[in-house]
């Protein structure tokens, strides 16, 4: 089965698209627009509503990255201290 048909049949187009956008930005070091152009060239087409929903979700994720980074940093610092305490006991 064609990837595009499978995605549409499972009604996960916007989720798949968000995953591809995030993968393009964080792994492939491309912009959101470059990632969407790449998918269009590969003949992976999406409906406008899926594109709009994926765009909103990706922007929401990008908008909250700083607060997520701060939370992760505080958790990682705490875990490192616990590991050091266990190591030196």
N, C-alpha and C. Protein backbone atom coordinates (compact mmCIF):
# COMPACT_ATOMS: atom_id res chain seq x y z
N UNK A 1 0.85 -1.18 0.00
CA UNK A 1 0.00 0.00 0.00
C UNK A 1 0.89 1.24 0.00
N UNK A 2 0.50 2.21 -0.76
CA UNK A 2 1.20 3.48 -0.85
C UNK A 2 1.21 4.15 0.53
N UNK A 3 2.33 4.77 0.89
CA UNK A 3 2.45 5.42 2.20
C UNK A 3 1.38 6.48 2.38
N UNK A 4 1.16 7.29 1.35
CA UNK A 4 0.18 8.36 1.44
C UNK A 4 -1.22 7.80 1.66
N UNK A 5 -1.59 6.73 0.95
CA UNK A 5 -2.91 6.11 1.11
C UNK A 5 -3.06 5.52 2.51
N UNK A 6 -2.00 4.90 3.02
CA UNK A 6 -2.05 4.33 4.37
C UNK A 6 -2.27 5.42 5.40
N UNK A 7 -1.55 6.51 5.28
CA UNK A 7 -1.68 7.61 6.24
C UNK A 7 -3.09 8.19 6.22
N UNK A 8 -3.61 8.39 5.03
CA UNK A 8 -4.96 8.94 4.90
C UNK A 8 -5.99 7.95 5.42
N UNK A 9 -5.81 6.66 5.15
CA UNK A 9 -6.79 5.66 5.60
C UNK A 9 -6.83 5.56 7.12
N UNK A 10 -5.72 5.80 7.78
CA UNK A 10 -5.67 5.74 9.24
C UNK A 10 -6.02 7.07 9.89
N UNK A 11 -6.26 8.11 9.06
CA UNK A 11 -6.62 9.45 9.54
C UNK A 11 -5.57 10.03 10.49
N UNK A 12 -4.32 9.84 10.13
CA UNK A 12 -3.21 10.36 10.95
C UNK A 12 -2.36 11.33 10.16
N UNK A 13 -2.93 11.95 9.14
CA UNK A 13 -2.16 12.83 8.26
C UNK A 13 -1.50 13.97 9.01
N UNK A 14 -2.25 14.65 9.87
CA UNK A 14 -1.66 15.80 10.57
C UNK A 14 -0.59 15.36 11.55
N UNK A 15 -0.79 14.24 12.24
CA UNK A 15 0.24 13.74 13.16
C UNK A 15 1.51 13.35 12.41
N UNK A 16 1.33 12.66 11.28
CA UNK A 16 2.47 12.28 10.47
C UNK A 16 3.22 13.51 9.99
N UNK A 17 2.46 14.51 9.60
CA UNK A 17 3.06 15.74 9.09
C UNK A 17 3.82 16.49 10.18
N UNK A 18 3.27 16.55 11.39
CA UNK A 18 3.99 17.17 12.51
C UNK A 18 5.29 16.41 12.78
N UNK A 19 5.21 15.10 12.76
CA UNK A 19 6.42 14.28 12.97
C UNK A 19 7.47 14.59 11.91
N UNK A 20 7.04 14.69 10.65
CA UNK A 20 7.98 14.99 9.57
C UNK A 20 8.57 16.40 9.72
N UNK A 21 7.74 17.36 10.14
CA UNK A 21 8.25 18.73 10.34
C UNK A 21 9.30 18.75 11.44
N UNK A 22 8.99 18.12 12.57
CA UNK A 22 9.94 18.11 13.69
C UNK A 22 11.21 17.36 13.31
N UNK A 23 11.06 16.26 12.60
CA UNK A 23 12.22 15.50 12.14
C UNK A 23 13.06 16.35 11.19
N UNK A 24 12.40 17.07 10.30
CA UNK A 24 13.12 17.93 9.36
C UNK A 24 13.89 19.03 10.06
N UNK A 25 13.29 19.62 11.09
CA UNK A 25 13.94 20.73 11.80
C UNK A 25 15.06 20.22 12.70
N UNK A 26 14.79 19.21 13.51
CA UNK A 26 15.77 18.80 14.51
C UNK A 26 16.80 17.79 14.00
N UNK A 27 16.43 16.94 13.10
CA UNK A 27 17.37 15.92 12.61
C UNK A 27 18.05 16.36 11.31
N UNK A 28 17.23 16.77 10.34
CA UNK A 28 17.78 17.12 9.02
C UNK A 28 18.25 18.56 8.93
N UNK A 29 18.00 19.37 9.98
CA UNK A 29 18.43 20.78 10.03
C UNK A 29 17.85 21.60 8.88
N UNK A 30 16.57 21.36 8.56
CA UNK A 30 15.88 22.11 7.52
C UNK A 30 14.78 22.94 8.17
N UNK A 31 14.34 23.95 7.45
CA UNK A 31 13.22 24.74 7.97
C UNK A 31 11.92 23.98 7.72
N UNK A 32 10.86 24.49 8.34
CA UNK A 32 9.55 23.86 8.15
C UNK A 32 9.15 23.91 6.68
N UNK A 33 9.36 25.05 6.04
CA UNK A 33 9.00 25.18 4.63
C UNK A 33 9.82 24.26 3.72
N UNK A 34 11.10 24.12 4.02
CA UNK A 34 11.93 23.21 3.23
C UNK A 34 11.45 21.77 3.37
N UNK A 35 11.03 21.40 4.56
CA UNK A 35 10.53 20.05 4.80
C UNK A 35 9.24 19.82 4.02
N UNK A 36 8.34 20.79 4.04
CA UNK A 36 7.08 20.66 3.31
C UNK A 36 7.32 20.59 1.80
N UNK A 37 8.27 21.37 1.30
CA UNK A 37 8.61 21.32 -0.12
C UNK A 37 9.18 19.95 -0.49
N UNK A 38 10.00 19.40 0.38
CA UNK A 38 10.57 18.07 0.15
C UNK A 38 9.46 17.02 0.05
N UNK A 39 8.49 17.08 0.97
CA UNK A 39 7.39 16.13 0.94
C UNK A 39 6.55 16.28 -0.33
N UNK A 40 6.37 17.51 -0.77
CA UNK A 40 5.62 17.75 -2.00
C UNK A 40 6.35 17.16 -3.21
N UNK A 41 7.66 17.32 -3.24
CA UNK A 41 8.45 16.73 -4.34
C UNK A 41 8.37 15.21 -4.33
N UNK A 42 8.25 14.62 -3.13
CA UNK A 42 8.15 13.16 -3.01
C UNK A 42 6.74 12.66 -3.28
N UNK A 43 5.85 13.58 -3.68
CA UNK A 43 4.46 13.26 -4.00
C UNK A 43 3.66 12.80 -2.78
N UNK A 44 4.07 13.25 -1.61
CA UNK A 44 3.29 13.00 -0.40
C UNK A 44 2.47 14.25 -0.17
N UNK A 45 1.21 14.19 -0.55
CA UNK A 45 0.34 15.36 -0.53
C UNK A 45 -0.65 15.26 0.63
N UNK A 46 -0.99 16.41 1.18
CA UNK A 46 -1.90 16.47 2.31
C UNK A 46 -3.02 17.46 2.03
N UNK A 47 -4.14 17.28 2.70
CA UNK A 47 -5.24 18.22 2.58
C UNK A 47 -4.89 19.49 3.33
N UNK A 48 -5.54 20.58 2.93
CA UNK A 48 -5.27 21.89 3.55
C UNK A 48 -5.53 21.87 5.06
N UNK A 49 -6.59 21.17 5.49
CA UNK A 49 -6.89 21.12 6.92
C UNK A 49 -5.80 20.39 7.70
N UNK A 50 -5.22 19.36 7.10
CA UNK A 50 -4.12 18.65 7.76
C UNK A 50 -2.88 19.52 7.84
N UNK A 51 -2.61 20.26 6.76
CA UNK A 51 -1.47 21.18 6.77
C UNK A 51 -1.65 22.27 7.82
N UNK A 52 -2.86 22.80 7.92
CA UNK A 52 -3.12 23.86 8.90
C UNK A 52 -2.99 23.33 10.33
N UNK A 53 -3.54 22.15 10.58
CA UNK A 53 -3.46 21.58 11.92
C UNK A 53 -2.01 21.25 12.28
N UNK A 54 -1.27 20.69 11.35
CA UNK A 54 0.13 20.37 11.60
C UNK A 54 0.94 21.63 11.83
N UNK A 55 0.63 22.68 11.09
CA UNK A 55 1.33 23.96 11.27
C UNK A 55 1.07 24.53 12.66
N UNK A 56 -0.17 24.48 13.11
CA UNK A 56 -0.50 24.98 14.46
C UNK A 56 0.22 24.16 15.53
N UNK A 57 0.20 22.84 15.39
CA UNK A 57 0.85 21.99 16.39
C UNK A 57 2.37 22.20 16.42
N UNK A 58 2.98 22.30 15.24
CA UNK A 58 4.43 22.52 15.18
C UNK A 58 4.79 23.87 15.80
N UNK A 59 4.00 24.91 15.50
CA UNK A 59 4.27 26.22 16.09
C UNK A 59 4.08 26.20 17.60
N UNK A 60 3.10 25.46 18.08
CA UNK A 60 2.90 25.32 19.52
C UNK A 60 4.11 24.66 20.17
N UNK A 61 4.61 23.62 19.54
CA UNK A 61 5.80 22.92 20.07
C UNK A 61 7.00 23.84 20.05
N UNK A 62 7.23 24.52 18.93
CA UNK A 62 8.38 25.42 18.84
C UNK A 62 8.26 26.57 19.83
N UNK A 63 7.05 27.03 20.08
CA UNK A 63 6.84 28.14 21.01
C UNK A 63 7.11 27.77 22.46
N UNK A 64 7.01 26.49 22.79
CA UNK A 64 7.20 26.05 24.17
C UNK A 64 8.56 25.39 24.41
N UNK A 65 9.43 25.41 23.43
CA UNK A 65 10.72 24.75 23.58
C UNK A 65 11.56 25.32 24.72
N UNK A 66 11.55 26.62 24.89
CA UNK A 66 12.37 27.23 25.94
C UNK A 66 11.92 26.77 27.32
N UNK A 67 10.61 26.75 27.55
CA UNK A 67 10.12 26.31 28.86
C UNK A 67 10.39 24.82 29.07
N UNK A 68 10.29 24.04 28.00
CA UNK A 68 10.59 22.61 28.10
C UNK A 68 12.07 22.41 28.40
N UNK A 69 12.92 23.18 27.75
CA UNK A 69 14.36 23.10 28.02
C UNK A 69 14.69 23.40 29.48
N UNK A 70 14.03 24.42 30.03
CA UNK A 70 14.27 24.77 31.43
C UNK A 70 13.85 23.65 32.37
N UNK A 71 12.71 23.05 32.09
CA UNK A 71 12.25 21.93 32.92
C UNK A 71 13.20 20.76 32.83
N UNK A 72 13.60 20.42 31.61
CA UNK A 72 14.53 19.30 31.43
C UNK A 72 15.87 19.58 32.11
N UNK A 73 16.34 20.81 31.99
CA UNK A 73 17.62 21.15 32.61
C UNK A 73 17.55 21.00 34.12
N UNK A 74 16.46 21.46 34.72
CA UNK A 74 16.34 21.34 36.17
C UNK A 74 16.25 19.88 36.60
N UNK A 75 15.56 19.06 35.83
CA UNK A 75 15.46 17.63 36.15
C UNK A 75 16.81 16.95 35.98
N UNK A 76 17.49 17.28 34.90
CA UNK A 76 18.79 16.67 34.66
C UNK A 76 19.81 17.05 35.73
N UNK A 77 19.77 18.29 36.18
CA UNK A 77 20.69 18.72 37.23
C UNK A 77 20.42 17.94 38.51
N UNK A 78 19.16 17.76 38.87
CA UNK A 78 18.81 17.01 40.07
C UNK A 78 19.26 15.58 39.96
N UNK A 79 19.05 14.96 38.82
CA UNK A 79 19.44 13.56 38.64
C UNK A 79 20.95 13.40 38.72
N UNK A 80 21.70 14.36 38.18
CA UNK A 80 23.16 14.27 38.25
C UNK A 80 23.64 14.34 39.69
N UNK A 81 23.01 15.19 40.49
CA UNK A 81 23.41 15.30 41.89
C UNK A 81 23.14 14.00 42.62
N UNK A 82 21.99 13.39 42.38
CA UNK A 82 21.67 12.12 43.02
C UNK A 82 22.65 11.04 42.61
N UNK A 83 23.02 11.02 41.34
CA UNK A 83 23.98 10.03 40.86
C UNK A 83 25.32 10.24 41.55
N UNK A 84 25.75 11.47 41.70
CA UNK A 84 27.02 11.74 42.36
C UNK A 84 26.97 11.33 43.83
N UNK A 85 25.86 11.58 44.48
CA UNK A 85 25.74 11.19 45.89
C UNK A 85 25.81 9.68 46.05
N UNK A 86 25.14 8.97 45.17
CA UNK A 86 25.18 7.51 45.23
C UNK A 86 26.59 7.01 44.92
N UNK A 87 27.26 7.64 44.00
CA UNK A 87 28.61 7.22 43.61
C UNK A 87 29.59 7.38 44.77
N UNK A 88 29.46 8.47 45.53
CA UNK A 88 30.41 8.75 46.60
C UNK A 88 30.03 8.13 47.94
N UNK A 89 28.89 7.48 48.05
CA UNK A 89 28.50 6.87 49.32
C UNK A 89 29.27 5.63 49.63
